[in-house]
Amino acid sequence: TLTEAIGAPRPSVSQHLAKLRLAGLVASRRDGRHV
């Protein structure tokens, strides 16, 4: 959903989300097969 919404490549979105999560700015949770 985020990839489509911001128009960035999926690997880039995943890497940026990882940085934001490690910094404590975003939270993540599992919902079935999705994070």
ModelCIF file with pLDDT and N, C-alpha, C, O atoms, coordinates in Angstrom:
data_MODEL
#
_entry.id   MODEL 
#
_entity.id                         1 
_entity.type                       polymer 
_entity.pdbx_number_of_molecules   1 
#
_entity_poly.entity_id                      1 
_entity_poly.type                           'polypeptide(L)' 
_entity_poly.nstd_linkage                   no 
_entity_poly.nstd_monomer                   no 
_entity_poly.pdbx_seq_one_letter_code       TLTEAIGAPRPSVSQHLAKLRLAGLVASRRDGRHV 
_entity_poly.pdbx_seq_one_letter_code_can   TLTEAIGAPRPSVSQHLAKLRLAGLVASRRDGRHV 
_entity_poly.pdbx_strand_id                 A 
#
loop_
_entity_poly_seq.entity_id 
_entity_poly_seq.num 
_entity_poly_seq.mon_id 
_entity_poly_seq.hetero 
1 1  THR n 
1 2  LEU n 
1 3  THR n 
1 4  GLU n 
1 5  ALA n 
1 6  ILE n 
1 7  GLY n 
1 8  ALA n 
1 9  PRO n 
1 10 ARG n 
1 11 PRO n 
1 12 SER n 
1 13 VAL n 
1 14 SER n 
1 15 GLN n 
1 16 HIS n 
1 17 LEU n 
1 18 ALA n 
1 19 LYS n 
1 20 LEU n 
1 21 ARG n 
1 22 LEU n 
1 23 ALA n 
1 24 GLY n 
1 25 LEU n 
1 26 VAL n 
1 27 ALA n 
1 28 SER n 
1 29 ARG n 
1 30 ARG n 
1 31 ASP n 
1 32 GLY n 
1 33 ARG n 
1 34 HIS n 
1 35 VAL n 
#
_struct_asym.id          A 
_struct_asym.entity_id   1 
#
loop_
_ma_qa_metric.id 
_ma_qa_metric.mode 
_ma_qa_metric.name 
_ma_qa_metric.software_group_id 
_ma_qa_metric.type 
1 global pLDDT . pLDDT 
2 local  pLDDT . pLDDT 
#
_ma_qa_metric_global.metric_id      1 
_ma_qa_metric_global.metric_value   95.91 
_ma_qa_metric_global.model_id       1 
_ma_qa_metric_global.ordinal_id     1 
#
loop_
_ma_qa_metric_local.label_asym_id 
_ma_qa_metric_local.label_comp_id 
_ma_qa_metric_local.label_seq_id 
_ma_qa_metric_local.metric_id 
_ma_qa_metric_local.metric_value 
_ma_qa_metric_local.model_id 
_ma_qa_metric_local.ordinal_id 
A THR 1  2 97.00 1 1  
A LEU 2  2 98.00 1 2  
A THR 3  2 98.00 1 3  
A GLU 4  2 97.00 1 4  
A ALA 5  2 97.00 1 5  
A ILE 6  2 97.00 1 6  
A GLY 7  2 97.00 1 7  
A ALA 8  2 97.00 1 8  
A PRO 9  2 97.00 1 9  
A ARG 10 2 96.00 1 10 
A PRO 11 2 97.00 1 11 
A SER 12 2 97.00 1 12 
A VAL 13 2 97.00 1 13 
A SER 14 2 96.00 1 14 
A GLN 15 2 97.00 1 15 
A HIS 16 2 97.00 1 16 
A LEU 17 2 97.00 1 17 
A ALA 18 2 96.00 1 18 
A LYS 19 2 96.00 1 19 
A LEU 20 2 97.00 1 20 
A ARG 21 2 96.00 1 21 
A LEU 22 2 95.00 1 22 
A ALA 23 2 94.00 1 23 
A GLY 24 2 94.00 1 24 
A LEU 25 2 96.00 1 25 
A VAL 26 2 97.00 1 26 
A ALA 27 2 96.00 1 27 
A SER 28 2 96.00 1 28 
A ARG 29 2 95.00 1 29 
A ARG 30 2 94.00 1 30 
A ASP 31 2 92.00 1 31 
A GLY 32 2 93.00 1 32 
A ARG 33 2 93.00 1 33 
A HIS 34 2 93.00 1 34 
A VAL 35 2 95.00 1 35 
#
loop_
_atom_site.group_PDB 
_atom_site.id 
_atom_site.type_symbol 
_atom_site.label_atom_id 
_atom_site.label_alt_id 
_atom_site.label_comp_id 
_atom_site.label_asym_id 
_atom_site.label_entity_id 
_atom_site.label_seq_id 
_atom_site.pdbx_PDB_ins_code 
_atom_site.Cartn_x 
_atom_site.Cartn_y 
_atom_site.Cartn_z 
_atom_site.occupancy 
_atom_site.B_iso_or_equiv 
_atom_site.pdbx_formal_charge 
_atom_site.auth_seq_id 
_atom_site.auth_comp_id 
_atom_site.auth_asym_id 
_atom_site.auth_atom_id 
_atom_site.pdbx_PDB_model_num 
ATOM 1   N N  . THR A 1 1  ? 0.836  -1.201  0.000  1.00 97.00 ? 1  THR A N  1 
ATOM 2   C CA . THR A 1 1  ? 0.000  0.000   0.000  1.00 97.00 ? 1  THR A CA 1 
ATOM 3   C C  . THR A 1 1  ? 0.870  1.250   0.000  1.00 97.00 ? 1  THR A C  1 
ATOM 4   O O  . THR A 1 1  ? 0.597  2.201   -0.733 1.00 97.00 ? 1  THR A O  1 
ATOM 5   N N  . LEU A 1 2  ? 1.911  1.251   0.816  1.00 98.00 ? 2  LEU A N  1 
ATOM 6   C CA . LEU A 1 2  ? 2.809  2.411   0.888  1.00 98.00 ? 2  LEU A CA 1 
ATOM 7   C C  . LEU A 1 2  ? 3.564  2.606   -0.417 1.00 98.00 ? 2  LEU A C  1 
ATOM 8   O O  . LEU A 1 2  ? 3.750  3.737   -0.867 1.00 98.00 ? 2  LEU A O  1 
ATOM 9   N N  . THR A 1 3  ? 4.001  1.507   -1.027 1.00 98.00 ? 3  THR A N  1 
ATOM 10  C CA . THR A 1 3  ? 4.727  1.581   -2.294 1.00 98.00 ? 3  THR A CA 1 
ATOM 11  C C  . THR A 1 3  ? 3.866  2.254   -3.355 1.00 98.00 ? 3  THR A C  1 
ATOM 12  O O  . THR A 1 3  ? 4.324  3.145   -4.070 1.00 98.00 ? 3  THR A O  1 
ATOM 13  N N  . GLU A 1 4  ? 2.631  1.823   -3.445 1.00 97.00 ? 4  GLU A N  1 
ATOM 14  C CA . GLU A 1 4  ? 1.711  2.393   -4.423 1.00 97.00 ? 4  GLU A CA 1 
ATOM 15  C C  . GLU A 1 4  ? 1.393  3.854   -4.105 1.00 97.00 ? 4  GLU A C  1 
ATOM 16  O O  . GLU A 1 4  ? 1.346  4.693   -5.004 1.00 97.00 ? 4  GLU A O  1 
ATOM 17  N N  . ALA A 1 5  ? 1.177  4.151   -2.833 1.00 97.00 ? 5  ALA A N  1 
ATOM 18  C CA . ALA A 1 5  ? 0.770  5.499   -2.429 1.00 97.00 ? 5  ALA A CA 1 
ATOM 19  C C  . ALA A 1 5  ? 1.839  6.552   -2.686 1.00 97.00 ? 5  ALA A C  1 
ATOM 20  O O  . ALA A 1 5  ? 1.521  7.669   -3.093 1.00 97.00 ? 5  ALA A O  1 
ATOM 21  N N  . ILE A 1 6  ? 3.108  6.206   -2.451 1.00 97.00 ? 6  ILE A N  1 
ATOM 22  C CA . ILE A 1 6  ? 4.149  7.233   -2.606 1.00 97.00 ? 6  ILE A CA 1 
ATOM 23  C C  . ILE A 1 6  ? 4.914  7.103   -3.919 1.00 97.00 ? 6  ILE A C  1 
ATOM 24  O O  . ILE A 1 6  ? 5.715  7.977   -4.252 1.00 97.00 ? 6  ILE A O  1 
ATOM 25  N N  . GLY A 1 7  ? 4.684  6.035   -4.663 1.00 97.00 ? 7  GLY A N  1 
ATOM 26  C CA . GLY A 1 7  ? 5.316  5.881   -5.972 1.00 97.00 ? 7  GLY A CA 1 
ATOM 27  C C  . GLY A 1 7  ? 6.808  5.604   -5.920 1.00 97.00 ? 7  GLY A C  1 
ATOM 28  O O  . GLY A 1 7  ? 7.549  6.010   -6.815 1.00 97.00 ? 7  GLY A O  1 
ATOM 29  N N  . ALA A 1 8  ? 7.248  4.920   -4.887 1.00 97.00 ? 8  ALA A N  1 
ATOM 30  C CA . ALA A 1 8  ? 8.665  4.574   -4.759 1.00 97.00 ? 8  ALA A CA 1 
ATOM 31  C C  . ALA A 1 8  ? 8.827  3.069   -4.953 1.00 97.00 ? 8  ALA A C  1 
ATOM 32  O O  . ALA A 1 8  ? 7.883  2.313   -4.726 1.00 97.00 ? 8  ALA A O  1 
ATOM 33  N N  . PRO A 1 9  ? 10.016 2.625   -5.370 1.00 97.00 ? 9  PRO A N  1 
ATOM 34  C CA . PRO A 1 9  ? 10.244 1.185   -5.529 1.00 97.00 ? 9  PRO A CA 1 
ATOM 35  C C  . PRO A 1 9  ? 10.110 0.443   -4.196 1.00 97.00 ? 9  PRO A C  1 
ATOM 36  O O  . PRO A 1 9  ? 10.483 0.964   -3.144 1.00 97.00 ? 9  PRO A O  1 
ATOM 37  N N  . ARG A 1 10 ? 9.578  -0.766  -4.254 1.00 96.00 ? 10 ARG A N  1 
ATOM 38  C CA . ARG A 1 10 ? 9.343  -1.564  -3.053 1.00 96.00 ? 10 ARG A CA 1 
ATOM 39  C C  . ARG A 1 10 ? 10.611 -1.761  -2.205 1.00 96.00 ? 10 ARG A C  1 
ATOM 40  O O  . ARG A 1 10 ? 10.543 -1.614  -0.985 1.00 96.00 ? 10 ARG A O  1 
ATOM 41  N N  . PRO A 1 11 ? 11.775 -2.093  -2.813 1.00 97.00 ? 11 PRO A N  1 
ATOM 42  C CA . PRO A 1 11 ? 12.974 -2.257  -1.978 1.00 97.00 ? 11 PRO A CA 1 
ATOM 43  C C  . PRO A 1 11 ? 13.341 -0.975  -1.220 1.00 97.00 ? 11 PRO A C  1 
ATOM 44  O O  . PRO A 1 11 ? 13.787 -1.029  -0.074 1.00 97.00 ? 11 PRO A O  1 
ATOM 45  N N  . SER A 1 12 ? 13.152 0.154   -1.861 1.00 97.00 ? 12 SER A N  1 
ATOM 46  C CA . SER A 1 12 ? 13.442 1.433   -1.214 1.00 97.00 ? 12 SER A CA 1 
ATOM 47  C C  . SER A 1 12 ? 12.493 1.668   -0.047 1.00 97.00 ? 12 SER A C  1 
ATOM 48  O O  . SER A 1 12 ? 12.920 2.076   1.033  1.00 97.00 ? 12 SER A O  1 
ATOM 49  N N  . VAL A 1 13 ? 11.211 1.411   -0.262 1.00 97.00 ? 13 VAL A N  1 
ATOM 50  C CA . VAL A 1 13 ? 10.222 1.588   0.798  1.00 97.00 ? 13 VAL A CA 1 
ATOM 51  C C  . VAL A 1 13 ? 10.558 0.689   1.987  1.00 97.00 ? 13 VAL A C  1 
ATOM 52  O O  . VAL A 1 13 ? 10.517 1.132   3.135  1.00 97.00 ? 13 VAL A O  1 
ATOM 53  N N  . SER A 1 14 ? 10.887 -0.558  1.715  1.00 96.00 ? 14 SER A N  1 
ATOM 54  C CA . SER A 1 14 ? 11.232 -1.498  2.787  1.00 96.00 ? 14 SER A CA 1 
ATOM 55  C C  . SER A 1 14 ? 12.448 -1.033  3.574  1.00 96.00 ? 14 SER A C  1 
ATOM 56  O O  . SER A 1 14 ? 12.462 -1.113  4.802  1.00 96.00 ? 14 SER A O  1 
ATOM 57  N N  . GLN A 1 15 ? 13.466 -0.548  2.877  1.00 97.00 ? 15 GLN A N  1 
ATOM 58  C CA . GLN A 1 15 ? 14.681 -0.078  3.559  1.00 97.00 ? 15 GLN A CA 1 
ATOM 59  C C  . GLN A 1 15 ? 14.390 1.140   4.429  1.00 97.00 ? 15 GLN A C  1 
ATOM 60  O O  . GLN A 1 15 ? 14.867 1.228   5.561  1.00 97.00 ? 15 GLN A O  1 
ATOM 61  N N  . HIS A 1 16 ? 13.618 2.066   3.908  1.00 97.00 ? 16 HIS A N  1 
ATOM 62  C CA . HIS A 1 16 ? 13.293 3.272   4.685  1.00 97.00 ? 16 HIS A CA 1 
ATOM 63  C C  . HIS A 1 16 ? 12.413 2.932   5.888  1.00 97.00 ? 16 HIS A C  1 
ATOM 64  O O  . HIS A 1 16 ? 12.590 3.499   6.966  1.00 97.00 ? 16 HIS A O  1 
ATOM 65  N N  . LEU A 1 17 ? 11.474 2.017   5.708  1.00 97.00 ? 17 LEU A N  1 
ATOM 66  C CA . LEU A 1 17 ? 10.643 1.597   6.837  1.00 97.00 ? 17 LEU A CA 1 
ATOM 67  C C  . LEU A 1 17 ? 11.495 0.938   7.922  1.00 97.00 ? 17 LEU A C  1 
ATOM 68  O O  . LEU A 1 17 ? 11.256 1.139   9.112  1.00 97.00 ? 17 LEU A O  1 
ATOM 69  N N  . ALA A 1 18 ? 12.478 0.160   7.510  1.00 96.00 ? 18 ALA A N  1 
ATOM 70  C CA . ALA A 1 18 ? 13.367 -0.480  8.489  1.00 96.00 ? 18 ALA A CA 1 
ATOM 71  C C  . ALA A 1 18 ? 14.119 0.576   9.296  1.00 96.00 ? 18 ALA A C  1 
ATOM 72  O O  . ALA A 1 18 ? 14.244 0.448   10.514 1.00 96.00 ? 18 ALA A O  1 
ATOM 73  N N  . LYS A 1 19 ? 14.621 1.618   8.630  1.00 96.00 ? 19 LYS A N  1 
ATOM 74  C CA . LYS A 1 19 ? 15.320 2.698   9.344  1.00 96.00 ? 19 LYS A CA 1 
ATOM 75  C C  . LYS A 1 19 ? 14.385 3.399   10.322 1.00 96.00 ? 19 LYS A C  1 
ATOM 76  O O  . LYS A 1 19 ? 14.757 3.679   11.462 1.00 96.00 ? 19 LYS A O  1 
ATOM 77  N N  . LEU A 1 20 ? 13.166 3.680   9.865  1.00 97.00 ? 20 LEU A N  1 
ATOM 78  C CA . LEU A 1 20 ? 12.202 4.369   10.718 1.00 97.00 ? 20 LEU A CA 1 
ATOM 79  C C  . LEU A 1 20 ? 11.792 3.502   11.906 1.00 97.00 ? 20 LEU A C  1 
ATOM 80  O O  . LEU A 1 20 ? 11.588 4.007   13.010 1.00 97.00 ? 20 LEU A O  1 
ATOM 81  N N  . ARG A 1 21 ? 11.673 2.201   11.672 1.00 96.00 ? 21 ARG A N  1 
ATOM 82  C CA . ARG A 1 21 ? 11.312 1.284   12.756 1.00 96.00 ? 21 ARG A CA 1 
ATOM 83  C C  . ARG A 1 21 ? 12.444 1.180   13.771 1.00 96.00 ? 21 ARG A C  1 
ATOM 84  O O  . ARG A 1 21 ? 12.203 1.217   14.978 1.00 96.00 ? 21 ARG A O  1 
ATOM 85  N N  . LEU A 1 22 ? 13.675 1.051   13.287 1.00 95.00 ? 22 LEU A N  1 
ATOM 86  C CA . LEU A 1 22 ? 14.827 0.972   14.191 1.00 95.00 ? 22 LEU A CA 1 
ATOM 87  C C  . LEU A 1 22 ? 14.994 2.242   15.013 1.00 95.00 ? 22 LEU A C  1 
ATOM 88  O O  . LEU A 1 22 ? 15.461 2.196   16.151 1.00 95.00 ? 22 LEU A O  1 
ATOM 89  N N  . ALA A 1 23 ? 14.612 3.371   14.435 1.00 94.00 ? 23 ALA A N  1 
ATOM 90  C CA . ALA A 1 23 ? 14.699 4.643   15.154 1.00 94.00 ? 23 ALA A CA 1 
ATOM 91  C C  . ALA A 1 23 ? 13.531 4.835   16.119 1.00 94.00 ? 23 ALA A C  1 
ATOM 92  O O  . ALA A 1 23 ? 13.516 5.792   16.893 1.00 94.00 ? 23 ALA A O  1 
ATOM 93  N N  . GLY A 1 24 ? 12.562 3.938   16.076 1.00 94.00 ? 24 GLY A N  1 
ATOM 94  C CA . GLY A 1 24 ? 11.418 4.036   16.974 1.00 94.00 ? 24 GLY A CA 1 
ATOM 95  C C  . GLY A 1 24 ? 10.347 5.004   16.523 1.00 94.00 ? 24 GLY A C  1 
ATOM 96  O O  . GLY A 1 24 ? 9.493  5.398   17.316 1.00 94.00 ? 24 GLY A O  1 
ATOM 97  N N  . LEU A 1 25 ? 10.382 5.395   15.247 1.00 96.00 ? 25 LEU A N  1 
ATOM 98  C CA . LEU A 1 25 ? 9.394  6.349   14.750 1.00 96.00 ? 25 LEU A CA 1 
ATOM 99  C C  . LEU A 1 25 ? 8.146  5.669   14.217 1.00 96.00 ? 25 LEU A C  1 
ATOM 100 O O  . LEU A 1 25 ? 7.066  6.259   14.228 1.00 96.00 ? 25 LEU A O  1 
ATOM 101 N N  . VAL A 1 26 ? 8.281  4.439   13.754 1.00 97.00 ? 26 VAL A N  1 
ATOM 102 C CA . VAL A 1 26 ? 7.117  3.674   13.314 1.00 97.00 ? 26 VAL A CA 1 
ATOM 103 C C  . VAL A 1 26 ? 7.079  2.348   14.061 1.00 97.00 ? 26 VAL A C  1 
ATOM 104 O O  . VAL A 1 26 ? 8.109  1.811   14.468 1.00 97.00 ? 26 VAL A O  1 
ATOM 105 N N  . ALA A 1 27 ? 5.884  1.846   14.226 1.00 96.00 ? 27 ALA A N  1 
ATOM 106 C CA . ALA A 1 27 ? 5.673  0.540   14.848 1.00 96.00 ? 27 ALA A CA 1 
ATOM 107 C C  . ALA A 1 27 ? 5.223  -0.423  13.760 1.00 96.00 ? 27 ALA A C  1 
ATOM 108 O O  . ALA A 1 27 ? 4.682  -0.009  12.735 1.00 96.00 ? 27 ALA A O  1 
ATOM 109 N N  . SER A 1 28 ? 5.449  -1.700  13.990 1.00 96.00 ? 28 SER A N  1 
ATOM 110 C CA . SER A 1 28 ? 4.997  -2.702  13.026 1.00 96.00 ? 28 SER A CA 1 
ATOM 111 C C  . SER A 1 28 ? 4.322  -3.846  13.770 1.00 96.00 ? 28 SER A C  1 
ATOM 112 O O  . SER A 1 28 ? 4.616  -4.121  14.933 1.00 96.00 ? 28 SER A O  1 
ATOM 113 N N  . ARG A 1 29 ? 3.415  -4.498  13.069 1.00 95.00 ? 29 ARG A N  1 
ATOM 114 C CA . ARG A 1 29 ? 2.741  -5.672  13.618 1.00 95.00 ? 29 ARG A CA 1 
ATOM 115 C C  . ARG A 1 29 ? 2.385  -6.589  12.457 1.00 95.00 ? 29 ARG A C  1 
ATOM 116 O O  . ARG A 1 29 ? 2.195  -6.144  11.325 1.00 95.00 ? 29 ARG A O  1 
ATOM 117 N N  . ARG A 1 30 ? 2.299  -7.862  12.759 1.00 94.00 ? 30 ARG A N  1 
ATOM 118 C CA . ARG A 1 30 ? 1.911  -8.852  11.756 1.00 94.00 ? 30 ARG A CA 1 
ATOM 119 C C  . ARG A 1 30 ? 0.400  -8.912  11.648 1.00 94.00 ? 30 ARG A C  1 
ATOM 120 O O  . ARG A 1 30 ? -0.314 -8.885  12.651 1.00 94.00 ? 30 ARG A O  1 
ATOM 121 N N  . ASP A 1 31 ? -0.076 -8.993  10.412 1.00 92.00 ? 31 ASP A N  1 
ATOM 122 C CA . ASP A 1 31 ? -1.497 -9.190  10.138 1.00 92.00 ? 31 ASP A CA 1 
ATOM 123 C C  . ASP A 1 31 ? -1.571 -10.283 9.079  1.00 92.00 ? 31 ASP A C  1 
ATOM 124 O O  . ASP A 1 31 ? -1.586 -10.005 7.880  1.00 92.00 ? 31 ASP A O  1 
ATOM 125 N N  . GLY A 1 32 ? -1.618 -11.526 9.540  1.00 93.00 ? 32 GLY A N  1 
ATOM 126 C CA . GLY A 1 32 ? -1.554 -12.654 8.610  1.00 93.00 ? 32 GLY A CA 1 
ATOM 127 C C  . GLY A 1 32 ? -0.171 -12.727 8.007  1.00 93.00 ? 32 GLY A C  1 
ATOM 128 O O  . GLY A 1 32 ? 0.823  -12.845 8.724  1.00 93.00 ? 32 GLY A O  1 
ATOM 129 N N  . ARG A 1 33 ? -0.105 -12.657 6.686  1.00 93.00 ? 33 ARG A N  1 
ATOM 130 C CA . ARG A 1 33 ? 1.184  -12.705 5.988  1.00 93.00 ? 33 ARG A CA 1 
ATOM 131 C C  . ARG A 1 33 ? 1.793  -11.326 5.766  1.00 93.00 ? 33 ARG A C  1 
ATOM 132 O O  . ARG A 1 33 ? 2.896  -11.215 5.230  1.00 93.00 ? 33 ARG A O  1 
ATOM 133 N N  . HIS A 1 34 ? 1.096  -10.291 6.169  1.00 93.00 ? 34 HIS A N  1 
ATOM 134 C CA . HIS A 1 34 ? 1.555  -8.921  5.943  1.00 93.00 ? 34 HIS A CA 1 
ATOM 135 C C  . HIS A 1 34 ? 2.094  -8.310  7.230  1.00 93.00 ? 34 HIS A C  1 
ATOM 136 O O  . HIS A 1 34 ? 1.682  -8.666  8.334  1.00 93.00 ? 34 HIS A O  1 
ATOM 137 N N  . VAL A 1 35 ? 3.027  -7.383  7.053  1.00 95.00 ? 35 VAL A N  1 
ATOM 138 C CA . VAL A 1 35 ? 3.484  -6.551  8.159  1.00 95.00 ? 35 VAL A CA 1 
ATOM 139 C C  . VAL A 1 35 ? 2.850  -5.187  7.951  1.00 95.00 ? 35 VAL A C  1 
ATOM 140 O O  . VAL A 1 35 ? 3.069  -4.276  8.750  1.00 95.00 ? 35 VAL A O  1 
#
